[in-house]
Protein backbone atom coordinates (compact mmCIF):
# COMPACT_ATOMS: atom_id res chain seq x y z
CA UNK A 1 0.00 0.00 0.00
CA UNK A 2 1.56 3.26 -1.15
CA UNK A 3 0.64 6.61 0.39
CA UNK A 4 2.16 9.88 -0.77
CA UNK A 5 2.15 12.83 1.60
CA UNK A 6 2.69 16.48 0.82
CA UNK A 7 2.23 19.62 2.85
CA UNK A 8 0.44 22.54 1.23
CA UNK A 9 -0.62 25.74 2.99
CA UNK A 10 -0.30 24.05 6.38
CA UNK A 11 -2.47 21.11 5.34
CA UNK A 12 -1.10 17.58 5.07
CA UNK A 13 -2.49 15.91 1.94
CA UNK A 14 -2.21 12.11 1.99
CA UNK A 15 -2.85 10.52 -1.42
CA UNK A 16 -3.71 6.83 -1.62
CA UNK A 17 -1.86 5.39 -4.61
CA UNK A 18 -3.98 2.23 -4.96
CA UNK A 19 -7.27 1.28 -6.56
CA UNK A 20 -8.58 -0.70 -3.57
CA UNK A 21 -8.70 -0.45 0.20
CA UNK A 22 -9.97 -3.83 1.30
CA UNK A 23 -9.22 -6.62 3.77
CA UNK A 24 -6.05 -7.56 1.87
CA UNK A 25 -4.44 -4.15 2.45
CA UNK A 26 -6.29 -2.70 5.47
CA UNK A 27 -3.51 -3.41 7.99
CA UNK A 28 -0.85 -2.04 5.66
CA UNK A 29 -3.01 1.02 5.00
CA UNK A 30 -3.44 1.67 8.72
CA UNK A 31 0.32 1.32 9.32
CA UNK A 32 1.14 3.76 6.49
CA UNK A 33 -1.47 6.20 7.77
CA UNK A 34 0.05 6.03 11.26
CA UNK A 35 3.42 6.98 9.75
CA UNK A 36 1.87 9.85 7.76
CA UNK A 37 -0.07 11.20 10.72
CA UNK A 38 2.96 11.37 13.00
CA UNK A 39 4.69 13.77 10.58
CA UNK A 40 2.17 16.55 11.00
CA UNK A 41 -0.62 17.99 13.05
CA UNK A 42 -3.72 20.05 12.48
CA UNK A 43 -5.62 19.37 9.29
CA UNK A 44 -5.16 16.26 7.15
CA UNK A 45 -6.86 15.52 3.83
CA UNK A 46 -7.01 11.91 2.65
CA UNK A 47 -7.20 11.98 -1.15
CA UNK A 48 -9.04 8.88 -2.38
CA UNK A 49 -9.38 9.83 -6.06
CA UNK A 50 -7.48 6.72 -7.26
CA UNK A 51 -9.50 4.33 -5.07
CA UNK A 52 -12.26 2.54 -7.00
CA UNK A 53 -13.26 0.05 -4.30
CA UNK A 54 -13.49 0.06 -0.53
CA UNK A 55 -15.00 -2.58 1.76
CA UNK A 56 -15.83 -2.66 5.47
CA UNK A 57 -12.20 -3.43 6.35
CA UNK A 58 -11.12 -0.34 4.42
CA UNK A 59 -13.72 1.80 6.18
CA UNK A 60 -12.56 0.41 9.51
CA UNK A 61 -8.94 1.22 8.66
CA UNK A 62 -9.83 4.84 7.86
CA UNK A 63 -11.76 5.18 11.13
CA UNK A 64 -8.85 3.56 13.03
CA UNK A 65 -6.45 6.02 11.40
CA UNK A 66 -8.69 8.90 12.47
CA UNK A 67 -8.54 7.64 16.06
CA UNK A 68 -4.71 7.56 15.88
CA UNK A 69 -4.52 11.25 15.05
CA UNK A 70 -2.89 13.72 17.41
CA UNK A 71 -5.27 15.57 19.76
CA UNK A 72 -6.97 18.47 17.99
CA UNK A 73 -6.23 17.19 14.49
CA UNK A 74 -8.89 16.69 11.85
CA UNK A 75 -9.11 14.14 9.02
CA UNK A 76 -11.09 15.11 5.93
CA UNK A 77 -11.69 13.07 2.78
CA UNK A 78 -11.42 14.15 -0.84
CA UNK A 79 -11.87 12.85 -4.35
CA UNK A 80 -14.24 9.97 -3.64
CA UNK A 81 -15.10 8.02 -6.78
CA UNK A 82 -18.82 7.27 -7.25
CA UNK A 83 -18.49 3.70 -5.93
CA UNK A 84 -16.51 4.77 -2.85
CA UNK A 85 -18.85 7.71 -2.23
CA UNK A 86 -21.81 5.33 -2.33
CA UNK A 87 -20.24 3.12 0.37
CA UNK A 88 -19.60 6.15 2.62
CA UNK A 89 -23.18 7.35 2.22
CA UNK A 90 -24.77 3.90 2.67
CA UNK A 91 -22.85 3.38 5.92
CA UNK A 92 -23.52 6.96 7.07
CA UNK A 93 -19.78 7.58 7.32
CA UNK A 94 -20.39 10.80 5.37
CA UNK A 95 -21.82 12.19 8.62
CA UNK A 96 -18.50 11.56 10.41
CA UNK A 97 -16.11 12.95 7.81
CA UNK A 98 -16.05 16.20 5.90
CA UNK A 99 -15.97 15.12 2.25
CA UNK A 100 -14.61 17.37 -0.50
CA UNK A 101 -15.00 16.81 -4.25
CA UNK A 102 -11.21 16.96 -4.72
CA UNK A 103 -7.98 17.62 -2.84
CA UNK A 104 -7.71 21.04 -4.46
CA UNK A 105 -11.25 21.88 -3.29
CA UNK A 106 -10.28 20.75 0.23
CA UNK A 107 -7.24 23.03 0.17
CA UNK A 108 -9.45 25.92 -0.90
CA UNK A 109 -11.97 25.33 1.87
C-alpha atoms as a PDB file:
ATOM      1  CA  UNK A   1       0.000   0.000   0.000  1.00  0.00           C
ATOM      2  CA  UNK A   2       1.557   3.255  -1.147  1.00  0.00           C
ATOM      3  CA  UNK A   3       0.639   6.610   0.389  1.00  0.00           C
ATOM      4  CA  UNK A   4       2.161   9.881  -0.770  1.00  0.00           C
ATOM      5  CA  UNK A   5       2.155  12.833   1.602  1.00  0.00           C
ATOM      6  CA  UNK A   6       2.686  16.478   0.818  1.00  0.00           C
ATOM      7  CA  UNK A   7       2.226  19.616   2.846  1.00  0.00           C
ATOM      8  CA  UNK A   8       0.440  22.537   1.231  1.00  0.00           C
ATOM      9  CA  UNK A   9      -0.621  25.740   2.990  1.00  0.00           C
ATOM     10  CA  UNK A  10      -0.299  24.052   6.382  1.00  0.00           C
ATOM     11  CA  UNK A  11      -2.474  21.106   5.344  1.00  0.00           C
ATOM     12  CA  UNK A  12      -1.102  17.575   5.067  1.00  0.00           C
ATOM     13  CA  UNK A  13      -2.493  15.908   1.937  1.00  0.00           C
ATOM     14  CA  UNK A  14      -2.208  12.106   1.985  1.00  0.00           C
ATOM     15  CA  UNK A  15      -2.846  10.524  -1.419  1.00  0.00           C
ATOM     16  CA  UNK A  16      -3.706   6.828  -1.622  1.00  0.00           C
ATOM     17  CA  UNK A  17      -1.862   5.390  -4.614  1.00  0.00           C
ATOM     18  CA  UNK A  18      -3.976   2.233  -4.964  1.00  0.00           C
ATOM     19  CA  UNK A  19      -7.266   1.283  -6.556  1.00  0.00           C
ATOM     20  CA  UNK A  20      -8.579  -0.700  -3.570  1.00  0.00           C
ATOM     21  CA  UNK A  21      -8.696  -0.446   0.203  1.00  0.00           C
ATOM     22  CA  UNK A  22      -9.975  -3.833   1.300  1.00  0.00           C
ATOM     23  CA  UNK A  23      -9.224  -6.625   3.766  1.00  0.00           C
ATOM     24  CA  UNK A  24      -6.051  -7.565   1.869  1.00  0.00           C
ATOM     25  CA  UNK A  25      -4.437  -4.147   2.451  1.00  0.00           C
ATOM     26  CA  UNK A  26      -6.291  -2.705   5.469  1.00  0.00           C
ATOM     27  CA  UNK A  27      -3.514  -3.415   7.986  1.00  0.00           C
ATOM     28  CA  UNK A  28      -0.848  -2.044   5.658  1.00  0.00           C
ATOM     29  CA  UNK A  29      -3.006   1.024   4.996  1.00  0.00           C
ATOM     30  CA  UNK A  30      -3.441   1.673   8.720  1.00  0.00           C
ATOM     31  CA  UNK A  31       0.321   1.320   9.317  1.00  0.00           C
ATOM     32  CA  UNK A  32       1.144   3.763   6.492  1.00  0.00           C
ATOM     33  CA  UNK A  33      -1.474   6.196   7.774  1.00  0.00           C
ATOM     34  CA  UNK A  34       0.048   6.026  11.258  1.00  0.00           C
ATOM     35  CA  UNK A  35       3.424   6.984   9.749  1.00  0.00           C
ATOM     36  CA  UNK A  36       1.875   9.846   7.765  1.00  0.00           C
ATOM     37  CA  UNK A  37      -0.072  11.202  10.720  1.00  0.00           C
ATOM     38  CA  UNK A  38       2.959  11.373  12.998  1.00  0.00           C
ATOM     39  CA  UNK A  39       4.690  13.770  10.585  1.00  0.00           C
ATOM     40  CA  UNK A  40       2.169  16.551  11.004  1.00  0.00           C
ATOM     41  CA  UNK A  41      -0.623  17.993  13.053  1.00  0.00           C
ATOM     42  CA  UNK A  42      -3.724  20.051  12.483  1.00  0.00           C
ATOM     43  CA  UNK A  43      -5.623  19.369   9.287  1.00  0.00           C
ATOM     44  CA  UNK A  44      -5.165  16.258   7.153  1.00  0.00           C
ATOM     45  CA  UNK A  45      -6.857  15.516   3.825  1.00  0.00           C
ATOM     46  CA  UNK A  46      -7.015  11.908   2.649  1.00  0.00           C
ATOM     47  CA  UNK A  47      -7.199  11.977  -1.152  1.00  0.00           C
ATOM     48  CA  UNK A  48      -9.035   8.877  -2.383  1.00  0.00           C
ATOM     49  CA  UNK A  49      -9.384   9.833  -6.056  1.00  0.00           C
ATOM     50  CA  UNK A  50      -7.480   6.724  -7.260  1.00  0.00           C
ATOM     51  CA  UNK A  51      -9.497   4.334  -5.069  1.00  0.00           C
ATOM     52  CA  UNK A  52     -12.260   2.541  -7.002  1.00  0.00           C
ATOM     53  CA  UNK A  53     -13.257   0.045  -4.299  1.00  0.00           C
ATOM     54  CA  UNK A  54     -13.494   0.056  -0.534  1.00  0.00           C
ATOM     55  CA  UNK A  55     -14.997  -2.579   1.758  1.00  0.00           C
ATOM     56  CA  UNK A  56     -15.826  -2.658   5.471  1.00  0.00           C
ATOM     57  CA  UNK A  57     -12.197  -3.429   6.348  1.00  0.00           C
ATOM     58  CA  UNK A  58     -11.117  -0.340   4.424  1.00  0.00           C
ATOM     59  CA  UNK A  59     -13.719   1.797   6.177  1.00  0.00           C
ATOM     60  CA  UNK A  60     -12.558   0.410   9.512  1.00  0.00           C
ATOM     61  CA  UNK A  61      -8.942   1.216   8.661  1.00  0.00           C
ATOM     62  CA  UNK A  62      -9.834   4.836   7.858  1.00  0.00           C
ATOM     63  CA  UNK A  63     -11.760   5.181  11.131  1.00  0.00           C
ATOM     64  CA  UNK A  64      -8.853   3.557  13.026  1.00  0.00           C
ATOM     65  CA  UNK A  65      -6.454   6.016  11.398  1.00  0.00           C
ATOM     66  CA  UNK A  66      -8.691   8.901  12.471  1.00  0.00           C
ATOM     67  CA  UNK A  67      -8.536   7.644  16.060  1.00  0.00           C
ATOM     68  CA  UNK A  68      -4.710   7.557  15.881  1.00  0.00           C
ATOM     69  CA  UNK A  69      -4.522  11.248  15.050  1.00  0.00           C
ATOM     70  CA  UNK A  70      -2.893  13.720  17.414  1.00  0.00           C
ATOM     71  CA  UNK A  71      -5.268  15.566  19.758  1.00  0.00           C
ATOM     72  CA  UNK A  72      -6.971  18.467  17.990  1.00  0.00           C
ATOM     73  CA  UNK A  73      -6.230  17.186  14.492  1.00  0.00           C
ATOM     74  CA  UNK A  74      -8.886  16.691  11.848  1.00  0.00           C
ATOM     75  CA  UNK A  75      -9.108  14.136   9.020  1.00  0.00           C
ATOM     76  CA  UNK A  76     -11.086  15.113   5.931  1.00  0.00           C
ATOM     77  CA  UNK A  77     -11.689  13.071   2.777  1.00  0.00           C
ATOM     78  CA  UNK A  78     -11.421  14.152  -0.835  1.00  0.00           C
ATOM     79  CA  UNK A  79     -11.872  12.849  -4.349  1.00  0.00           C
ATOM     80  CA  UNK A  80     -14.238   9.967  -3.641  1.00  0.00           C
ATOM     81  CA  UNK A  81     -15.095   8.024  -6.782  1.00  0.00           C
ATOM     82  CA  UNK A  82     -18.816   7.271  -7.245  1.00  0.00           C
ATOM     83  CA  UNK A  83     -18.486   3.695  -5.929  1.00  0.00           C
ATOM     84  CA  UNK A  84     -16.511   4.769  -2.849  1.00  0.00           C
ATOM     85  CA  UNK A  85     -18.845   7.712  -2.230  1.00  0.00           C
ATOM     86  CA  UNK A  86     -21.813   5.334  -2.328  1.00  0.00           C
ATOM     87  CA  UNK A  87     -20.243   3.122   0.367  1.00  0.00           C
ATOM     88  CA  UNK A  88     -19.600   6.145   2.620  1.00  0.00           C
ATOM     89  CA  UNK A  89     -23.184   7.349   2.218  1.00  0.00           C
ATOM     90  CA  UNK A  90     -24.765   3.900   2.667  1.00  0.00           C
ATOM     91  CA  UNK A  91     -22.853   3.381   5.919  1.00  0.00           C
ATOM     92  CA  UNK A  92     -23.521   6.957   7.070  1.00  0.00           C
ATOM     93  CA  UNK A  93     -19.784   7.583   7.320  1.00  0.00           C
ATOM     94  CA  UNK A  94     -20.391  10.799   5.369  1.00  0.00           C
ATOM     95  CA  UNK A  95     -21.817  12.193   8.618  1.00  0.00           C
ATOM     96  CA  UNK A  96     -18.504  11.555  10.408  1.00  0.00           C
ATOM     97  CA  UNK A  97     -16.108  12.955   7.811  1.00  0.00           C
ATOM     98  CA  UNK A  98     -16.050  16.204   5.902  1.00  0.00           C
ATOM     99  CA  UNK A  99     -15.972  15.121   2.246  1.00  0.00           C
ATOM    100  CA  UNK A 100     -14.606  17.369  -0.499  1.00  0.00           C
ATOM    101  CA  UNK A 101     -15.005  16.805  -4.251  1.00  0.00           C
ATOM    102  CA  UNK A 102     -11.210  16.956  -4.723  1.00  0.00           C
ATOM    103  CA  UNK A 103      -7.977  17.616  -2.837  1.00  0.00           C
ATOM    104  CA  UNK A 104      -7.707  21.036  -4.458  1.00  0.00           C
ATOM    105  CA  UNK A 105     -11.247  21.876  -3.293  1.00  0.00           C
ATOM    106  CA  UNK A 106     -10.283  20.746   0.230  1.00  0.00           C
ATOM    107  CA  UNK A 107      -7.242  23.032   0.171  1.00  0.00           C
ATOM    108  CA  UNK A 108      -9.446  25.922  -0.896  1.00  0.00           C
ATOM    109  CA  UNK A 109     -11.970  25.332   1.866  1.00  0.00           C
END
